[in-house]
Amino acid sequence: MRADRLVAALLLMQARGRVTASELAGELEVSVATARRDLEALSTAGVPVYSQPGRGGGWSLLGGARTDLSGLTASEARALFLLAGPAASADPEVTSALRKLVRALPETFRTDAEAAAGAVVVDPARWGESGRKRPDLVELLQTAVVRRRRVRLVYANRARERTERLVDPWGLVDKDELWYLVAGTEDGQRTFRVDRIADAS
């Protein structure tokens, strides 16, 4: 996709300061002519890139400018980091994603975004207790929610009677260290306690 190549070209210029069409072609596995056309397309579209001919030349962002590839406003960036920040301490993937997003933000947004990420800390453990372990099924159910996949559950009710159900997972709720799955069933919306799900696929 050409749009992906154009974004990749911008990221390379931001990371390296200057790239040649040949370097870009090697990184993106396209011909030098295609890489040159992509760089010219960025300039034509109004992105502040310029070429410097000759030995040691290449393509750069004008004045070392950084382009906001995230499309976020300052208030949106703060809101996102306030929301995601507490999860970062518990999930290395969230930490990695936030770090990448910070690099994509304009310089003027970064300080506020980083401050917002550290402004709230959620400690689920009560005083004098260690936190309850997150149920193993939560990750599987999260994936099903995100990918909109049906899930076959073996569920135990209060009387510990087990039934098999086919559900459409809509979301997960962590309430006071108890996880619940909100799902659509043949009988309408239902809420299932995750610790009562004996099996899921």
N, C-alpha and C. Protein backbone atom coordinates (compact mmCIF):
# COMPACT_ATOMS: atom_id res chain seq x y z
N MET A 1 0.85 -1.19 0.00
CA MET A 1 0.00 0.00 0.00
C MET A 1 0.89 1.25 0.00
N ARG A 2 0.57 2.20 -0.91
CA ARG A 2 1.41 3.38 -1.00
C ARG A 2 1.33 4.24 0.26
N ALA A 3 0.15 4.33 0.87
CA ALA A 3 0.01 5.14 2.09
C ALA A 3 0.95 4.63 3.17
N ASP A 4 1.06 3.30 3.30
CA ASP A 4 1.97 2.72 4.30
C ASP A 4 3.41 3.10 4.01
N ARG A 5 3.78 3.10 2.72
CA ARG A 5 5.15 3.46 2.36
C ARG A 5 5.43 4.92 2.69
N LEU A 6 4.44 5.81 2.45
CA LEU A 6 4.63 7.23 2.73
C LEU A 6 4.83 7.47 4.23
N VAL A 7 4.02 6.77 5.05
CA VAL A 7 4.18 6.90 6.51
C VAL A 7 5.55 6.36 6.92
N ALA A 8 5.95 5.22 6.34
CA ALA A 8 7.26 4.64 6.67
C ALA A 8 8.38 5.61 6.29
N ALA A 9 8.24 6.28 5.14
CA ALA A 9 9.26 7.24 4.72
C ALA A 9 9.37 8.39 5.72
N LEU A 10 8.22 8.89 6.19
CA LEU A 10 8.24 9.95 7.21
C LEU A 10 8.91 9.49 8.49
N LEU A 11 8.57 8.28 8.93
CA LEU A 11 9.17 7.76 10.16
C LEU A 11 10.68 7.62 10.04
N LEU A 12 11.14 7.17 8.87
CA LEU A 12 12.59 7.04 8.67
C LEU A 12 13.28 8.40 8.69
N MET A 13 12.64 9.40 8.08
CA MET A 13 13.25 10.73 8.11
C MET A 13 13.26 11.30 9.52
N GLN A 14 12.20 11.04 10.28
CA GLN A 14 12.17 11.50 11.66
C GLN A 14 13.24 10.81 12.49
N ALA A 15 13.44 9.52 12.25
CA ALA A 15 14.40 8.76 13.05
C ALA A 15 15.85 9.07 12.67
N ARG A 16 16.10 9.24 11.36
CA ARG A 16 17.49 9.37 10.90
C ARG A 16 17.89 10.80 10.55
N GLY A 17 16.92 11.67 10.39
CA GLY A 17 17.23 13.04 9.98
C GLY A 17 17.27 13.21 8.48
N ARG A 18 17.88 12.25 7.78
CA ARG A 18 18.00 12.32 6.32
C ARG A 18 18.07 10.91 5.76
N VAL A 19 17.37 10.68 4.65
CA VAL A 19 17.46 9.39 3.96
C VAL A 19 17.64 9.63 2.47
N THR A 20 18.32 8.71 1.83
CA THR A 20 18.42 8.77 0.37
C THR A 20 17.32 7.88 -0.22
N ALA A 21 17.03 8.12 -1.49
CA ALA A 21 16.02 7.30 -2.18
C ALA A 21 16.47 5.84 -2.20
N SER A 22 17.77 5.64 -2.31
CA SER A 22 18.32 4.27 -2.33
C SER A 22 18.11 3.57 -0.98
N GLU A 23 18.38 4.30 0.12
CA GLU A 23 18.16 3.73 1.46
C GLU A 23 16.69 3.40 1.69
N LEU A 24 15.83 4.32 1.27
CA LEU A 24 14.40 4.11 1.42
C LEU A 24 13.94 2.90 0.61
N ALA A 25 14.46 2.80 -0.61
CA ALA A 25 14.11 1.66 -1.47
C ALA A 25 14.50 0.34 -0.81
N GLY A 26 15.70 0.31 -0.21
CA GLY A 26 16.15 -0.90 0.47
C GLY A 26 15.29 -1.25 1.67
N GLU A 27 14.91 -0.24 2.45
CA GLU A 27 14.08 -0.47 3.65
C GLU A 27 12.69 -0.97 3.27
N LEU A 28 12.11 -0.39 2.21
CA LEU A 28 10.73 -0.69 1.85
C LEU A 28 10.60 -1.78 0.78
N GLU A 29 11.76 -2.26 0.30
CA GLU A 29 11.79 -3.32 -0.72
C GLU A 29 11.04 -2.91 -1.98
N VAL A 30 11.35 -1.70 -2.46
CA VAL A 30 10.79 -1.20 -3.73
C VAL A 30 11.96 -0.69 -4.56
N SER A 31 11.68 -0.31 -5.81
CA SER A 31 12.74 0.22 -6.67
C SER A 31 13.11 1.64 -6.21
N VAL A 32 14.30 2.08 -6.61
CA VAL A 32 14.75 3.43 -6.28
C VAL A 32 13.81 4.45 -6.92
N ALA A 33 13.35 4.16 -8.14
CA ALA A 33 12.43 5.08 -8.82
C ALA A 33 11.12 5.22 -8.04
N THR A 34 10.60 4.11 -7.50
CA THR A 34 9.35 4.15 -6.71
C THR A 34 9.57 4.95 -5.43
N ALA A 35 10.72 4.73 -4.77
CA ALA A 35 11.03 5.46 -3.55
C ALA A 35 11.12 6.96 -3.84
N ARG A 36 11.75 7.32 -4.96
CA ARG A 36 11.88 8.74 -5.33
C ARG A 36 10.50 9.34 -5.60
N ARG A 37 9.62 8.58 -6.29
CA ARG A 37 8.25 9.08 -6.55
C ARG A 37 7.49 9.28 -5.24
N ASP A 38 7.68 8.37 -4.28
CA ASP A 38 7.00 8.50 -2.98
C ASP A 38 7.46 9.76 -2.25
N LEU A 39 8.76 10.01 -2.28
CA LEU A 39 9.29 11.20 -1.61
C LEU A 39 8.79 12.47 -2.28
N GLU A 40 8.72 12.47 -3.60
CA GLU A 40 8.20 13.63 -4.32
C GLU A 40 6.71 13.83 -4.04
N ALA A 41 5.98 12.71 -3.87
CA ALA A 41 4.54 12.80 -3.56
C ALA A 41 4.32 13.45 -2.20
N LEU A 42 5.20 13.15 -1.24
CA LEU A 42 5.09 13.79 0.07
C LEU A 42 5.26 15.30 -0.06
N SER A 43 6.25 15.71 -0.84
CA SER A 43 6.51 17.14 -1.03
C SER A 43 5.33 17.81 -1.72
N THR A 44 4.78 17.16 -2.74
CA THR A 44 3.64 17.70 -3.48
C THR A 44 2.41 17.83 -2.59
N ALA A 45 2.27 16.89 -1.64
CA ALA A 45 1.11 16.90 -0.74
C ALA A 45 1.24 17.96 0.36
N GLY A 46 2.35 18.66 0.41
CA GLY A 46 2.51 19.73 1.39
C GLY A 46 3.28 19.34 2.63
N VAL A 47 3.78 18.10 2.69
CA VAL A 47 4.62 17.69 3.82
C VAL A 47 5.97 18.39 3.66
N PRO A 48 6.50 19.01 4.72
CA PRO A 48 7.73 19.82 4.57
C PRO A 48 8.99 18.97 4.41
N VAL A 49 9.10 18.28 3.25
CA VAL A 49 10.31 17.51 2.95
C VAL A 49 11.03 18.20 1.80
N TYR A 50 12.35 18.09 1.79
CA TYR A 50 13.12 18.67 0.70
C TYR A 50 14.29 17.76 0.40
N SER A 51 14.77 17.87 -0.83
CA SER A 51 15.92 17.05 -1.22
C SER A 51 17.16 17.93 -1.31
N GLN A 52 18.28 17.32 -0.96
CA GLN A 52 19.56 18.00 -1.07
C GLN A 52 20.43 17.14 -1.98
N PRO A 53 20.73 17.64 -3.19
CA PRO A 53 21.49 16.84 -4.14
C PRO A 53 22.97 16.73 -3.76
N GLY A 54 23.64 15.83 -4.43
CA GLY A 54 25.09 15.71 -4.28
C GLY A 54 25.48 14.72 -3.20
N ARG A 55 26.81 14.63 -3.04
CA ARG A 55 27.38 13.70 -2.06
C ARG A 55 26.95 14.10 -0.65
N GLY A 56 26.48 13.11 0.14
CA GLY A 56 26.01 13.40 1.49
C GLY A 56 24.61 13.99 1.51
N GLY A 57 23.97 14.03 0.33
CA GLY A 57 22.62 14.58 0.25
C GLY A 57 21.57 13.54 0.60
N GLY A 58 20.33 13.88 0.32
CA GLY A 58 19.22 12.99 0.60
C GLY A 58 17.96 13.79 0.87
N TRP A 59 17.00 13.16 1.45
CA TRP A 59 15.72 13.79 1.74
C TRP A 59 15.57 13.98 3.24
N SER A 60 15.11 15.18 3.63
CA SER A 60 14.95 15.51 5.06
C SER A 60 13.63 16.24 5.27
N LEU A 61 13.20 16.24 6.52
CA LEU A 61 12.07 17.09 6.91
C LEU A 61 12.61 18.48 7.14
N LEU A 62 11.96 19.48 6.59
CA LEU A 62 12.41 20.87 6.66
C LEU A 62 12.63 21.30 8.10
N GLY A 63 13.84 21.75 8.39
CA GLY A 63 14.16 22.23 9.73
C GLY A 63 14.05 21.18 10.81
N GLY A 64 14.15 19.89 10.42
CA GLY A 64 14.02 18.82 11.41
C GLY A 64 12.60 18.69 11.94
N ALA A 65 11.62 19.22 11.17
CA ALA A 65 10.22 19.19 11.63
C ALA A 65 9.78 17.77 11.93
N ARG A 66 8.84 17.67 12.85
CA ARG A 66 8.24 16.38 13.15
C ARG A 66 6.77 16.46 12.79
N THR A 67 6.30 15.44 12.12
CA THR A 67 4.91 15.41 11.70
C THR A 67 4.11 14.58 12.70
N ASP A 68 2.93 15.06 13.07
CA ASP A 68 2.07 14.33 14.01
C ASP A 68 1.36 13.21 13.25
N LEU A 69 1.93 12.01 13.29
CA LEU A 69 1.36 10.87 12.60
C LEU A 69 0.18 10.28 13.35
N SER A 70 0.00 10.65 14.60
CA SER A 70 -1.09 10.07 15.39
C SER A 70 -2.42 10.73 15.09
N GLY A 71 -2.41 12.00 14.65
CA GLY A 71 -3.66 12.70 14.39
C GLY A 71 -4.38 13.16 15.65
N LEU A 72 -3.78 13.00 16.81
CA LEU A 72 -4.42 13.37 18.07
C LEU A 72 -4.26 14.86 18.36
N THR A 73 -5.30 15.44 18.99
CA THR A 73 -5.16 16.80 19.51
C THR A 73 -4.48 16.70 20.88
N ALA A 74 -4.08 17.84 21.43
CA ALA A 74 -3.42 17.85 22.74
C ALA A 74 -4.33 17.27 23.82
N SER A 75 -5.62 17.67 23.82
CA SER A 75 -6.53 17.17 24.85
C SER A 75 -6.82 15.68 24.67
N GLU A 76 -6.90 15.22 23.42
CA GLU A 76 -7.11 13.78 23.17
C GLU A 76 -5.91 12.97 23.64
N ALA A 77 -4.70 13.50 23.40
CA ALA A 77 -3.50 12.79 23.85
C ALA A 77 -3.47 12.67 25.36
N ARG A 78 -3.80 13.78 26.07
CA ARG A 78 -3.83 13.73 27.55
C ARG A 78 -4.86 12.72 28.04
N ALA A 79 -6.07 12.75 27.44
CA ALA A 79 -7.14 11.84 27.86
C ALA A 79 -6.73 10.38 27.64
N LEU A 80 -6.11 10.10 26.51
CA LEU A 80 -5.68 8.73 26.21
C LEU A 80 -4.64 8.26 27.21
N PHE A 81 -3.66 9.11 27.52
CA PHE A 81 -2.60 8.70 28.44
C PHE A 81 -3.10 8.61 29.88
N LEU A 82 -4.08 9.44 30.25
CA LEU A 82 -4.70 9.30 31.59
C LEU A 82 -5.39 7.96 31.72
N LEU A 83 -6.07 7.55 30.64
CA LEU A 83 -6.81 6.29 30.67
C LEU A 83 -5.88 5.08 30.62
N ALA A 84 -4.90 5.13 29.72
CA ALA A 84 -4.03 3.96 29.51
C ALA A 84 -2.89 3.89 30.50
N GLY A 85 -2.50 5.02 31.06
CA GLY A 85 -1.35 5.04 31.97
C GLY A 85 -1.41 4.03 33.10
N PRO A 86 -2.54 3.91 33.83
CA PRO A 86 -2.59 2.95 34.93
C PRO A 86 -2.36 1.52 34.50
N ALA A 87 -2.75 1.18 33.26
CA ALA A 87 -2.58 -0.19 32.79
C ALA A 87 -1.13 -0.49 32.44
N ALA A 88 -0.36 0.55 32.17
CA ALA A 88 1.01 0.35 31.69
C ALA A 88 1.88 -0.36 32.71
N SER A 89 1.65 -0.10 34.01
CA SER A 89 2.49 -0.71 35.03
C SER A 89 2.28 -2.21 35.11
N ALA A 90 1.11 -2.69 34.68
CA ALA A 90 0.81 -4.10 34.79
C ALA A 90 1.00 -4.85 33.47
N ASP A 91 1.06 -4.14 32.36
CA ASP A 91 1.09 -4.81 31.06
C ASP A 91 2.23 -4.26 30.21
N PRO A 92 3.26 -5.07 29.94
CA PRO A 92 4.40 -4.59 29.16
C PRO A 92 4.00 -4.18 27.74
N GLU A 93 2.95 -4.79 27.16
CA GLU A 93 2.53 -4.42 25.81
C GLU A 93 1.95 -3.01 25.80
N VAL A 94 1.22 -2.63 26.87
CA VAL A 94 0.68 -1.27 26.97
C VAL A 94 1.84 -0.29 27.11
N THR A 95 2.82 -0.63 27.93
CA THR A 95 4.00 0.23 28.10
C THR A 95 4.68 0.48 26.77
N SER A 96 4.88 -0.58 26.00
CA SER A 96 5.54 -0.47 24.70
C SER A 96 4.72 0.38 23.74
N ALA A 97 3.40 0.18 23.71
CA ALA A 97 2.53 0.95 22.82
C ALA A 97 2.55 2.43 23.17
N LEU A 98 2.50 2.75 24.48
CA LEU A 98 2.53 4.16 24.89
C LEU A 98 3.86 4.81 24.53
N ARG A 99 4.94 4.05 24.68
CA ARG A 99 6.26 4.60 24.33
C ARG A 99 6.31 4.96 22.84
N LYS A 100 5.76 4.07 21.99
CA LYS A 100 5.76 4.35 20.55
C LYS A 100 4.86 5.54 20.22
N LEU A 101 3.73 5.62 20.90
CA LEU A 101 2.81 6.73 20.64
C LEU A 101 3.43 8.06 21.06
N VAL A 102 4.15 8.07 22.17
CA VAL A 102 4.83 9.29 22.61
C VAL A 102 5.80 9.77 21.54
N ARG A 103 6.53 8.84 20.93
CA ARG A 103 7.49 9.22 19.88
C ARG A 103 6.79 9.82 18.66
N ALA A 104 5.54 9.38 18.39
CA ALA A 104 4.80 9.88 17.22
C ALA A 104 4.15 11.23 17.47
N LEU A 105 4.01 11.61 18.75
CA LEU A 105 3.35 12.88 19.07
C LEU A 105 4.28 14.05 18.78
N PRO A 106 3.69 15.22 18.45
CA PRO A 106 4.53 16.42 18.32
C PRO A 106 5.19 16.74 19.65
N GLU A 107 6.35 17.39 19.57
CA GLU A 107 7.14 17.71 20.77
C GLU A 107 6.31 18.45 21.82
N THR A 108 5.42 19.34 21.37
CA THR A 108 4.65 20.16 22.31
C THR A 108 3.64 19.34 23.11
N PHE A 109 3.24 18.17 22.61
CA PHE A 109 2.26 17.33 23.32
C PHE A 109 2.93 16.38 24.31
N ARG A 110 4.21 16.09 24.08
CA ARG A 110 4.85 14.97 24.79
C ARG A 110 4.90 15.12 26.30
N THR A 111 5.29 16.30 26.77
CA THR A 111 5.43 16.49 28.22
C THR A 111 4.11 16.25 28.93
N ASP A 112 3.02 16.83 28.39
CA ASP A 112 1.71 16.64 29.01
C ASP A 112 1.27 15.18 28.95
N ALA A 113 1.53 14.52 27.81
CA ALA A 113 1.13 13.12 27.66
C ALA A 113 1.87 12.23 28.65
N GLU A 114 3.18 12.45 28.80
CA GLU A 114 3.96 11.64 29.73
C GLU A 114 3.54 11.90 31.18
N ALA A 115 3.22 13.17 31.50
CA ALA A 115 2.75 13.50 32.85
C ALA A 115 1.41 12.84 33.11
N ALA A 116 0.53 12.83 32.11
CA ALA A 116 -0.79 12.22 32.27
C ALA A 116 -0.66 10.71 32.50
N ALA A 117 0.29 10.08 31.80
CA ALA A 117 0.47 8.63 31.95
C ALA A 117 0.85 8.25 33.37
N GLY A 118 1.60 9.12 34.04
CA GLY A 118 2.02 8.82 35.41
C GLY A 118 1.17 9.45 36.49
N ALA A 119 0.08 10.13 36.09
CA ALA A 119 -0.74 10.88 37.05
C ALA A 119 -1.62 9.98 37.91
N VAL A 120 -1.98 8.82 37.40
CA VAL A 120 -2.88 7.91 38.12
C VAL A 120 -2.24 6.55 38.21
N VAL A 121 -2.23 6.00 39.39
CA VAL A 121 -1.73 4.64 39.60
C VAL A 121 -2.87 3.84 40.21
N VAL A 122 -3.18 2.69 39.60
CA VAL A 122 -4.23 1.83 40.14
C VAL A 122 -3.57 0.63 40.79
N ASP A 123 -3.79 0.49 42.09
CA ASP A 123 -3.29 -0.66 42.84
C ASP A 123 -4.52 -1.45 43.28
N PRO A 124 -4.79 -2.61 42.63
CA PRO A 124 -6.00 -3.36 42.95
C PRO A 124 -5.97 -4.06 44.30
N ALA A 125 -4.81 -4.13 44.93
CA ALA A 125 -4.72 -4.84 46.21
C ALA A 125 -5.25 -3.96 47.35
N ARG A 126 -5.99 -4.58 48.26
CA ARG A 126 -6.44 -3.85 49.44
C ARG A 126 -5.27 -3.76 50.42
N TRP A 127 -5.38 -2.86 51.41
CA TRP A 127 -4.30 -2.69 52.37
C TRP A 127 -4.00 -4.02 53.06
N GLY A 128 -2.72 -4.37 53.07
CA GLY A 128 -2.32 -5.59 53.76
C GLY A 128 -2.55 -6.86 52.96
N GLU A 129 -3.00 -6.73 51.71
CA GLU A 129 -3.25 -7.92 50.89
C GLU A 129 -2.44 -7.83 49.61
N SER A 130 -2.16 -9.00 49.05
CA SER A 130 -1.57 -9.01 47.72
C SER A 130 -2.73 -9.08 46.73
N GLY A 131 -2.53 -8.55 45.52
CA GLY A 131 -3.61 -8.52 44.54
C GLY A 131 -4.04 -9.91 44.12
N ARG A 132 -5.32 -10.03 43.83
CA ARG A 132 -5.86 -11.29 43.34
C ARG A 132 -5.38 -11.49 41.91
N LYS A 133 -5.01 -12.72 41.58
CA LYS A 133 -4.49 -13.01 40.24
C LYS A 133 -5.61 -12.89 39.21
N ARG A 134 -5.30 -12.27 38.10
CA ARG A 134 -6.28 -12.14 37.02
C ARG A 134 -6.57 -13.52 36.43
N PRO A 135 -7.83 -13.89 36.25
CA PRO A 135 -8.14 -15.23 35.70
C PRO A 135 -7.48 -15.44 34.35
N ASP A 136 -7.01 -16.67 34.13
CA ASP A 136 -6.31 -17.00 32.89
C ASP A 136 -7.20 -16.80 31.65
N LEU A 137 -8.50 -16.99 31.81
CA LEU A 137 -9.41 -16.89 30.66
C LEU A 137 -9.61 -15.46 30.17
N VAL A 138 -9.22 -14.47 30.96
CA VAL A 138 -9.47 -13.08 30.58
C VAL A 138 -8.81 -12.75 29.24
N GLU A 139 -7.59 -13.19 29.02
CA GLU A 139 -6.90 -12.87 27.78
C GLU A 139 -7.62 -13.48 26.58
N LEU A 140 -8.04 -14.73 26.70
CA LEU A 140 -8.78 -15.38 25.62
C LEU A 140 -10.07 -14.62 25.32
N LEU A 141 -10.79 -14.24 26.39
CA LEU A 141 -12.06 -13.53 26.22
C LEU A 141 -11.85 -12.13 25.64
N GLN A 142 -10.76 -11.45 26.04
CA GLN A 142 -10.44 -10.14 25.47
C GLN A 142 -10.23 -10.26 23.96
N THR A 143 -9.49 -11.28 23.56
CA THR A 143 -9.23 -11.51 22.14
C THR A 143 -10.54 -11.74 21.40
N ALA A 144 -11.43 -12.52 21.99
CA ALA A 144 -12.73 -12.80 21.36
C ALA A 144 -13.55 -11.53 21.22
N VAL A 145 -13.52 -10.66 22.23
CA VAL A 145 -14.26 -9.39 22.17
C VAL A 145 -13.71 -8.53 21.03
N VAL A 146 -12.39 -8.37 20.99
CA VAL A 146 -11.76 -7.51 19.99
C VAL A 146 -11.98 -8.03 18.58
N ARG A 147 -11.87 -9.35 18.41
CA ARG A 147 -12.00 -9.94 17.07
C ARG A 147 -13.43 -10.31 16.71
N ARG A 148 -14.36 -10.06 17.64
CA ARG A 148 -15.78 -10.36 17.43
C ARG A 148 -15.99 -11.83 17.08
N ARG A 149 -15.41 -12.69 17.89
CA ARG A 149 -15.54 -14.14 17.69
C ARG A 149 -16.50 -14.72 18.71
N ARG A 150 -17.33 -15.64 18.28
CA ARG A 150 -18.21 -16.34 19.22
C ARG A 150 -17.38 -17.24 20.12
N VAL A 151 -17.89 -17.45 21.32
CA VAL A 151 -17.18 -18.28 22.29
C VAL A 151 -18.14 -19.35 22.82
N ARG A 152 -17.62 -20.57 22.90
CA ARG A 152 -18.39 -21.66 23.51
C ARG A 152 -17.90 -21.79 24.96
N LEU A 153 -18.83 -21.58 25.90
CA LEU A 153 -18.50 -21.61 27.32
C LEU A 153 -19.05 -22.86 28.00
N VAL A 154 -18.30 -23.35 28.96
CA VAL A 154 -18.85 -24.29 29.94
C VAL A 154 -18.96 -23.48 31.22
N TYR A 155 -20.20 -23.23 31.64
CA TYR A 155 -20.46 -22.28 32.73
C TYR A 155 -21.16 -22.96 33.90
N ALA A 156 -20.67 -22.68 35.10
CA ALA A 156 -21.27 -23.24 36.32
C ALA A 156 -22.11 -22.16 36.99
N ASN A 157 -23.39 -22.45 37.25
CA ASN A 157 -24.23 -21.47 37.94
C ASN A 157 -23.97 -21.52 39.44
N ARG A 158 -24.79 -20.81 40.22
CA ARG A 158 -24.57 -20.76 41.68
C ARG A 158 -24.65 -22.13 42.32
N ALA A 159 -25.49 -22.97 41.77
CA ALA A 159 -25.65 -24.33 42.31
C ALA A 159 -24.57 -25.28 41.77
N ARG A 160 -23.62 -24.71 41.02
CA ARG A 160 -22.49 -25.44 40.43
C ARG A 160 -22.93 -26.45 39.36
N GLU A 161 -24.11 -26.20 38.79
CA GLU A 161 -24.56 -27.02 37.66
C GLU A 161 -23.93 -26.45 36.39
N ARG A 162 -23.34 -27.31 35.59
CA ARG A 162 -22.63 -26.85 34.40
C ARG A 162 -23.52 -26.95 33.16
N THR A 163 -23.44 -25.90 32.35
CA THR A 163 -24.13 -25.91 31.06
C THR A 163 -23.17 -25.39 30.01
N GLU A 164 -23.43 -25.79 28.76
CA GLU A 164 -22.61 -25.31 27.65
C GLU A 164 -23.41 -24.25 26.91
N ARG A 165 -22.76 -23.11 26.61
CA ARG A 165 -23.45 -22.00 25.96
C ARG A 165 -22.59 -21.43 24.85
N LEU A 166 -23.25 -21.00 23.78
CA LEU A 166 -22.58 -20.30 22.69
C LEU A 166 -22.95 -18.83 22.81
N VAL A 167 -21.95 -17.94 22.98
CA VAL A 167 -22.23 -16.53 23.24
C VAL A 167 -21.45 -15.62 22.29
N ASP A 168 -21.97 -14.41 22.13
CA ASP A 168 -21.27 -13.35 21.40
C ASP A 168 -20.69 -12.40 22.44
N PRO A 169 -19.38 -12.45 22.69
CA PRO A 169 -18.78 -11.60 23.74
C PRO A 169 -18.76 -10.13 23.32
N TRP A 170 -19.31 -9.27 24.20
CA TRP A 170 -19.37 -7.83 23.91
C TRP A 170 -18.35 -7.04 24.70
N GLY A 171 -18.01 -7.50 25.91
CA GLY A 171 -17.06 -6.74 26.71
C GLY A 171 -16.75 -7.43 28.02
N LEU A 172 -15.69 -6.93 28.68
CA LEU A 172 -15.28 -7.47 29.98
C LEU A 172 -15.31 -6.35 31.01
N VAL A 173 -15.69 -6.69 32.23
CA VAL A 173 -15.75 -5.72 33.31
C VAL A 173 -14.97 -6.28 34.50
N ASP A 174 -14.08 -5.45 35.06
CA ASP A 174 -13.37 -5.81 36.29
C ASP A 174 -13.96 -4.97 37.41
N LYS A 175 -14.76 -5.59 38.25
CA LYS A 175 -15.44 -4.87 39.33
C LYS A 175 -14.99 -5.46 40.66
N ASP A 176 -14.25 -4.65 41.45
CA ASP A 176 -13.78 -5.09 42.76
C ASP A 176 -13.05 -6.43 42.67
N GLU A 177 -12.16 -6.52 41.65
CA GLU A 177 -11.32 -7.69 41.44
C GLU A 177 -12.08 -8.93 40.99
N LEU A 178 -13.34 -8.79 40.63
CA LEU A 178 -14.09 -9.89 40.02
C LEU A 178 -14.32 -9.52 38.56
N TRP A 179 -14.03 -10.48 37.68
CA TRP A 179 -14.18 -10.24 36.25
C TRP A 179 -15.51 -10.79 35.77
N TYR A 180 -16.16 -10.03 34.88
CA TYR A 180 -17.43 -10.44 34.30
C TYR A 180 -17.35 -10.31 32.78
N LEU A 181 -17.99 -11.25 32.10
CA LEU A 181 -18.12 -11.19 30.64
C LEU A 181 -19.55 -10.77 30.32
N VAL A 182 -19.70 -9.70 29.55
CA VAL A 182 -21.01 -9.27 29.07
C VAL A 182 -21.13 -9.81 27.65
N ALA A 183 -22.20 -10.56 27.39
CA ALA A 183 -22.31 -11.25 26.11
C ALA A 183 -23.75 -11.33 25.64
N GLY A 184 -23.89 -11.48 24.34
CA GLY A 184 -25.20 -11.72 23.75
C GLY A 184 -25.44 -13.22 23.67
N THR A 185 -26.67 -13.63 24.00
CA THR A 185 -27.06 -15.04 23.92
C THR A 185 -28.39 -15.13 23.19
N GLU A 186 -28.87 -16.37 22.99
CA GLU A 186 -30.18 -16.55 22.37
C GLU A 186 -31.29 -15.88 23.19
N ASP A 187 -31.06 -15.73 24.48
CA ASP A 187 -32.06 -15.13 25.37
C ASP A 187 -31.78 -13.65 25.64
N GLY A 188 -30.92 -13.03 24.88
CA GLY A 188 -30.59 -11.62 25.08
C GLY A 188 -29.28 -11.44 25.82
N GLN A 189 -29.06 -10.22 26.32
CA GLN A 189 -27.80 -9.91 27.01
C GLN A 189 -27.71 -10.65 28.34
N ARG A 190 -26.54 -11.21 28.60
CA ARG A 190 -26.29 -11.90 29.86
C ARG A 190 -24.91 -11.51 30.37
N THR A 191 -24.74 -11.61 31.70
CA THR A 191 -23.45 -11.35 32.33
C THR A 191 -22.98 -12.62 33.01
N PHE A 192 -21.73 -13.02 32.72
CA PHE A 192 -21.17 -14.24 33.27
C PHE A 192 -19.96 -13.92 34.13
N ARG A 193 -19.92 -14.48 35.32
CA ARG A 193 -18.71 -14.33 36.14
C ARG A 193 -17.62 -15.20 35.54
N VAL A 194 -16.47 -14.59 35.30
CA VAL A 194 -15.38 -15.32 34.65
C VAL A 194 -14.87 -16.45 35.52
N ASP A 195 -14.90 -16.28 36.86
CA ASP A 195 -14.39 -17.37 37.72
C ASP A 195 -15.34 -18.57 37.74
N ARG A 196 -16.53 -18.45 37.13
CA ARG A 196 -17.43 -19.59 37.01
C ARG A 196 -17.38 -20.25 35.64
N ILE A 197 -16.54 -19.70 34.75
CA ILE A 197 -16.39 -20.31 33.43
C ILE A 197 -15.36 -21.43 33.57
N ALA A 198 -15.81 -22.66 33.41
CA ALA A 198 -14.92 -23.80 33.57
C ALA A 198 -14.04 -24.00 32.34
N ASP A 199 -14.57 -23.61 31.17
CA ASP A 199 -13.81 -23.78 29.94
C ASP A 199 -14.36 -22.84 28.90
N ALA A 200 -13.52 -22.42 27.97
CA ALA A 200 -13.95 -21.53 26.90
C ALA A 200 -13.12 -21.79 25.66
N SER A 201 -13.75 -21.75 24.52
CA SER A 201 -13.03 -21.93 23.26
C SER A 201 -13.72 -21.12 22.16
